[in-house]
Protein backbone atom coordinates (compact mmCIF):
# COMPACT_ATOMS: atom_id res chain seq x y z
CA MET A 1 117.23 132.19 65.62
CA HIS A 2 119.25 130.60 62.84
CA TYR A 3 119.26 126.80 63.11
CA ASP A 4 123.05 126.56 63.34
CA GLN A 5 122.99 128.75 66.44
CA PHE A 6 120.10 126.78 67.89
CA GLU A 7 121.88 123.48 67.28
CA THR A 8 125.04 124.78 68.93
CA LEU A 9 123.09 125.79 72.01
CA MET A 10 120.97 122.62 72.25
CA SER A 11 123.52 120.15 70.77
CA ALA A 12 123.13 117.99 67.68
CA PRO A 13 122.60 114.73 69.65
CA ARG A 14 119.70 116.29 71.58
CA LEU A 15 118.07 117.51 68.38
CA ALA A 16 118.73 114.38 66.33
CA ARG A 17 115.41 112.68 67.06
CA TYR A 18 113.46 115.82 66.24
CA TRP A 19 115.49 116.35 63.07
CA LEU A 20 114.79 112.80 61.88
CA SER A 21 111.07 113.03 62.59
CA CYS A 22 110.94 116.31 60.67
CA LYS A 23 112.70 114.74 57.68
CA ALA A 24 115.75 116.98 58.08
CA SER A 25 113.76 120.21 57.93
CA THR A 26 115.68 122.57 60.17
CA SER A 27 112.80 125.02 60.59
CA GLN A 28 110.36 122.28 61.58
CA THR A 29 112.94 120.71 63.89
CA GLN A 30 113.22 123.96 65.82
CA GLN A 31 109.42 124.34 65.91
CA LEU A 32 108.90 120.77 67.10
CA TYR A 33 111.49 121.14 69.86
CA LYS A 34 109.67 124.22 71.13
CA ALA A 35 106.29 122.49 70.79
CA ASN A 36 107.62 119.72 73.03
CA ILE A 37 108.71 122.33 75.58
CA ARG A 38 105.25 123.89 75.58
CA LEU A 39 103.66 120.46 76.02
CA SER A 40 106.03 119.63 78.88
CA GLN A 41 105.36 122.99 80.53
CA SER A 42 101.64 122.38 80.35
CA PHE A 43 102.08 119.10 82.24
CA LEU A 44 104.02 120.65 85.11
CA GLY A 45 100.94 122.11 86.78
CA VAL A 46 98.90 118.95 86.28
CA LEU A 47 101.67 116.74 87.68
CA SER A 48 102.24 119.08 90.61
CA ILE A 49 98.58 119.10 91.64
CA PHE A 50 98.23 115.35 91.17
CA GLU A 51 101.32 114.70 93.30
CA VAL A 52 100.02 116.83 96.17
CA VAL A 53 96.57 115.21 96.07
CA LEU A 54 98.08 111.70 96.03
CA ARG A 55 100.51 112.29 98.88
CA ASN A 56 97.86 113.99 101.01
CA ARG A 57 95.46 111.07 100.54
CA ILE A 58 98.18 108.56 101.43
CA ASP A 59 99.24 110.64 104.41
CA GLN A 60 95.71 110.93 105.76
CA CYS A 61 95.08 107.21 105.28
CA TYR A 62 98.20 106.15 107.17
CA LYS A 63 97.76 108.86 109.80
CA THR A 64 94.34 107.46 110.63
CA ILE A 65 95.28 103.80 110.54
CA PHE A 66 98.51 103.96 112.50
CA PHE A 67 97.19 106.37 115.10
CA ASP A 68 94.22 104.09 115.68
CA GLN A 69 96.52 101.07 115.95
CA ASN A 70 99.32 102.37 118.15
CA GLY A 71 98.77 106.05 118.83
CA ALA A 72 101.70 107.08 116.60
CA ASP A 73 101.62 110.81 115.92
CA ASP A 74 103.83 110.52 112.84
CA TRP A 75 103.47 107.36 110.82
CA LEU A 76 106.44 108.26 108.60
CA VAL A 77 108.86 108.48 111.52
CA SER A 78 107.39 105.35 113.09
CA ALA A 79 107.73 103.52 109.76
CA ILE A 80 111.50 104.09 109.52
CA HIS A 81 112.46 103.42 113.13
CA ASN A 82 113.07 100.01 114.69
CA GLY A 83 110.07 97.77 114.14
CA GLY A 84 108.47 100.19 111.67
CA PHE A 85 106.74 98.73 108.65
CA LEU A 86 109.33 100.08 106.21
CA THR A 87 112.12 98.27 108.04
CA GLN A 88 110.77 95.00 106.66
CA LYS A 89 112.70 93.12 104.00
CA GLY A 90 112.00 94.41 100.50
CA CYS A 91 111.27 97.98 101.62
CA GLU A 92 114.89 99.13 101.72
CA LYS A 93 114.64 101.75 98.97
CA SER A 94 111.74 103.50 100.65
CA LEU A 95 113.42 103.24 104.02
CA VAL A 96 116.65 104.84 102.79
CA LYS A 97 114.92 107.72 101.00
CA ILE A 98 112.61 108.61 103.89
CA ARG A 99 115.42 108.37 106.44
CA ALA A 100 117.57 110.63 104.28
CA ALA A 101 114.80 113.22 104.06
CA TYR A 102 114.18 112.99 107.81
CA ASN A 103 117.88 113.41 108.62
CA LYS A 104 118.18 116.32 106.19
CA LEU A 105 115.48 118.23 108.06
CA GLY A 106 117.18 117.63 111.39
CA LYS A 107 116.06 120.09 114.05
CA HIS A 108 113.72 121.72 111.54
CA TYR A 109 111.68 118.53 111.26
CA THR A 110 107.90 118.62 111.32
CA HIS A 111 105.61 116.00 109.86
CA ASP A 112 104.34 118.38 107.18
CA LYS A 113 107.89 119.34 106.18
CA LEU A 114 108.83 115.68 105.88
CA VAL A 115 105.78 114.99 103.70
CA ALA A 116 106.75 117.89 101.42
CA GLU A 117 110.41 116.80 101.31
CA LEU A 118 109.69 113.36 99.86
CA SER A 119 109.81 112.87 96.11
CA PHE A 120 106.88 111.69 94.03
CA GLY A 121 108.68 108.39 93.53
CA VAL A 122 108.62 107.70 97.27
CA TRP A 123 104.83 108.00 97.33
CA VAL A 124 104.51 105.85 94.22
CA PHE A 125 106.67 103.10 95.75
CA LEU A 126 104.32 102.82 98.71
CA PHE A 127 102.08 100.94 96.23
CA ALA A 128 104.86 98.52 95.24
CA GLY A 129 104.21 94.96 96.39
CA LYS A 130 106.45 94.79 99.47
CA GLN A 131 105.72 98.30 100.71
CA TYR A 132 102.00 97.89 100.11
CA GLN A 133 101.90 94.64 102.07
CA ALA A 134 104.11 95.98 104.85
CA GLY A 135 101.74 98.93 105.24
CA GLY A 136 98.82 96.59 105.88
CA ASN A 137 97.34 96.24 102.36
CA ILE A 138 95.13 99.28 102.98
CA LEU A 139 96.20 101.98 100.53
CA LEU A 140 93.63 101.01 97.90
CA SER A 141 91.11 102.60 100.26
CA ILE A 142 92.16 106.02 98.92
CA PHE A 143 90.57 104.98 95.60
CA PRO A 144 86.97 104.36 96.69
CA LYS A 145 85.60 104.82 93.14
CA ARG A 146 87.97 102.44 91.38
CA PRO A 147 86.54 99.58 89.31
CA ARG A 148 86.46 96.40 91.38
CA LYS A 149 88.80 94.54 89.05
CA LEU A 150 91.63 97.00 89.64
CA ASN A 151 94.09 95.76 92.23
CA GLN A 152 97.20 97.24 93.83
CA LYS A 153 99.38 96.05 90.93
CA VAL A 154 97.36 97.97 88.33
CA ILE A 155 97.35 101.13 90.43
CA TYR A 156 101.10 100.85 90.94
CA GLN A 157 101.71 100.39 87.20
CA LYS A 158 99.72 103.53 86.39
CA LEU A 159 101.49 105.55 89.07
CA ASN A 160 104.85 104.29 87.84
CA GLN A 161 104.05 105.41 84.30
CA ILE A 162 103.07 108.86 85.59
CA ASN A 163 106.36 109.00 87.49
CA SER A 164 108.19 108.14 84.25
CA LEU A 165 106.44 111.03 82.50
CA ARG A 166 107.35 113.34 85.38
CA ASN A 167 111.00 112.30 85.11
CA ARG A 168 111.05 112.85 81.36
CA VAL A 169 109.62 116.33 81.78
CA ALA A 170 112.04 117.13 84.63
CA HIS A 171 115.03 116.01 82.56
CA HIS A 172 113.93 117.85 79.40
CA GLU A 173 113.34 114.66 77.46
CA PRO A 174 110.80 114.51 74.60
CA ILE A 175 107.19 113.46 75.20
CA CYS A 176 106.08 114.28 71.65
CA PHE A 177 106.93 111.02 69.89
CA GLY A 178 105.28 107.73 69.12
CA PRO A 179 106.96 104.56 67.85
CA THR A 180 109.79 104.92 65.31
CA ASN A 181 110.19 108.66 65.97
CA THR A 182 106.77 109.59 64.63
CA ILE A 183 105.35 112.84 65.98
CA SER A 184 102.45 111.93 68.22
CA ALA A 185 100.55 113.11 71.30
CA ASN A 186 99.54 109.55 72.17
CA TYR A 187 102.16 109.17 74.91
CA ALA A 188 101.05 112.42 76.54
CA ARG A 189 97.35 111.60 76.13
CA LEU A 190 97.77 108.15 77.68
CA HIS A 191 99.52 109.52 80.75
CA PHE A 192 97.10 112.40 81.11
CA GLN A 193 94.27 109.87 81.07
CA HIS A 194 96.04 107.88 83.81
CA ILE A 195 96.06 111.03 85.95
CA VAL A 196 92.38 111.73 85.29
CA ASP A 197 91.44 108.10 85.98
CA LEU A 198 93.33 107.97 89.28
CA LEU A 199 91.82 111.24 90.45
CA THR A 200 88.35 110.03 89.47
CA TRP A 201 88.92 106.82 91.44
CA MET A 202 89.93 109.01 94.40
CA ASP A 203 86.50 110.63 93.98
CA VAL A 204 88.05 113.90 92.78
CA ASP A 205 86.56 116.00 89.97
CA ALA A 206 89.60 116.35 87.70
CA THR A 207 87.95 118.92 85.43
CA ALA A 208 87.19 121.21 88.35
CA LEU A 209 90.59 120.59 89.92
CA PHE A 210 92.48 121.52 86.76
CA GLU A 211 90.26 124.47 85.88
CA ASP A 212 92.31 127.36 84.47
CA ILE A 213 95.44 125.20 84.02
CA PHE A 214 93.99 122.78 81.50
CA SER A 215 96.31 123.94 78.70
CA CYS A 216 97.88 120.49 78.27
CA THR A 217 94.86 119.35 76.26
CA ASN A 218 95.33 122.32 73.94
CA GLU A 219 99.04 121.58 73.57
CA MET A 220 98.32 117.92 72.77
CA ASP A 221 95.86 119.03 70.10
CA ALA A 222 98.45 121.47 68.73
CA LEU A 223 101.02 118.70 68.51
CA GLU A 224 98.63 116.51 66.54
CA ARG A 225 98.13 119.36 64.07
CA PHE A 226 101.89 119.74 63.84
CA ALA A 227 102.19 116.06 62.92
C-alpha cells in the first residue's frame, strides 16, 4: 500500500513516533508499524495464559483460606458483602469493580463466571497494599519459589507493569520503542521476563506452558534486527 493511503487510514499523529524513529523513511515507518503489530499479537497468547494461571492460583488460595475460616462457598461474593474483606477502607476500587461484575451476571451468576468476568487489573490489585492486607496477607503463598527478599510490594510492581503492557497491547499502542523514540525490544523483553519470573515463582514451567506459542521471542529478535 502506498504510504499516503496508509497514513490516511492510520492517521499521521499515530504514525508520528514511528516516522521519527525511522528518520522520515515512509517505507520503514510502515514496516515498523506492522512489526509492532506482530510483536503485540505474539504477546496476546502469553498474556492470556498468564492471566488465567494467576487468577486461578489466587482463586484457589482464597477459596481454601476463606472456606476453612468461615465456610464461605464463594469468597468473592463474601468479600463484597457487608463485613467482607473488600469492604474495608482503601479497597473501594476493587469492591466497585467486583460488585459491578457480580450485578452484571445477575441470575446467570456462578462463581466460575464471576472469576472469568473480572479484568486482569482486578486480580493485580488484590496485591496492592490495602487489598493484600485486608485479604489476610496470604497471597504471597501462591509464589512458593520466589526469592525470600521479594515481598508483596515487589510482586505488585511486577504485576502492575505486566498490566500496563497488556493495556498498551489492547489499545494498539507501541511496545517497540526505547528511550527517545529509539527502536528497541527492551521494553517487551523486560515485561516478558517479568511473566516468566512470576510463573517460575509460582512453580510453573514457563517454557512448557508456552510451548507452540513462543513466537514473541522470535518477534523481539526480529525487532532488534529491524533496529
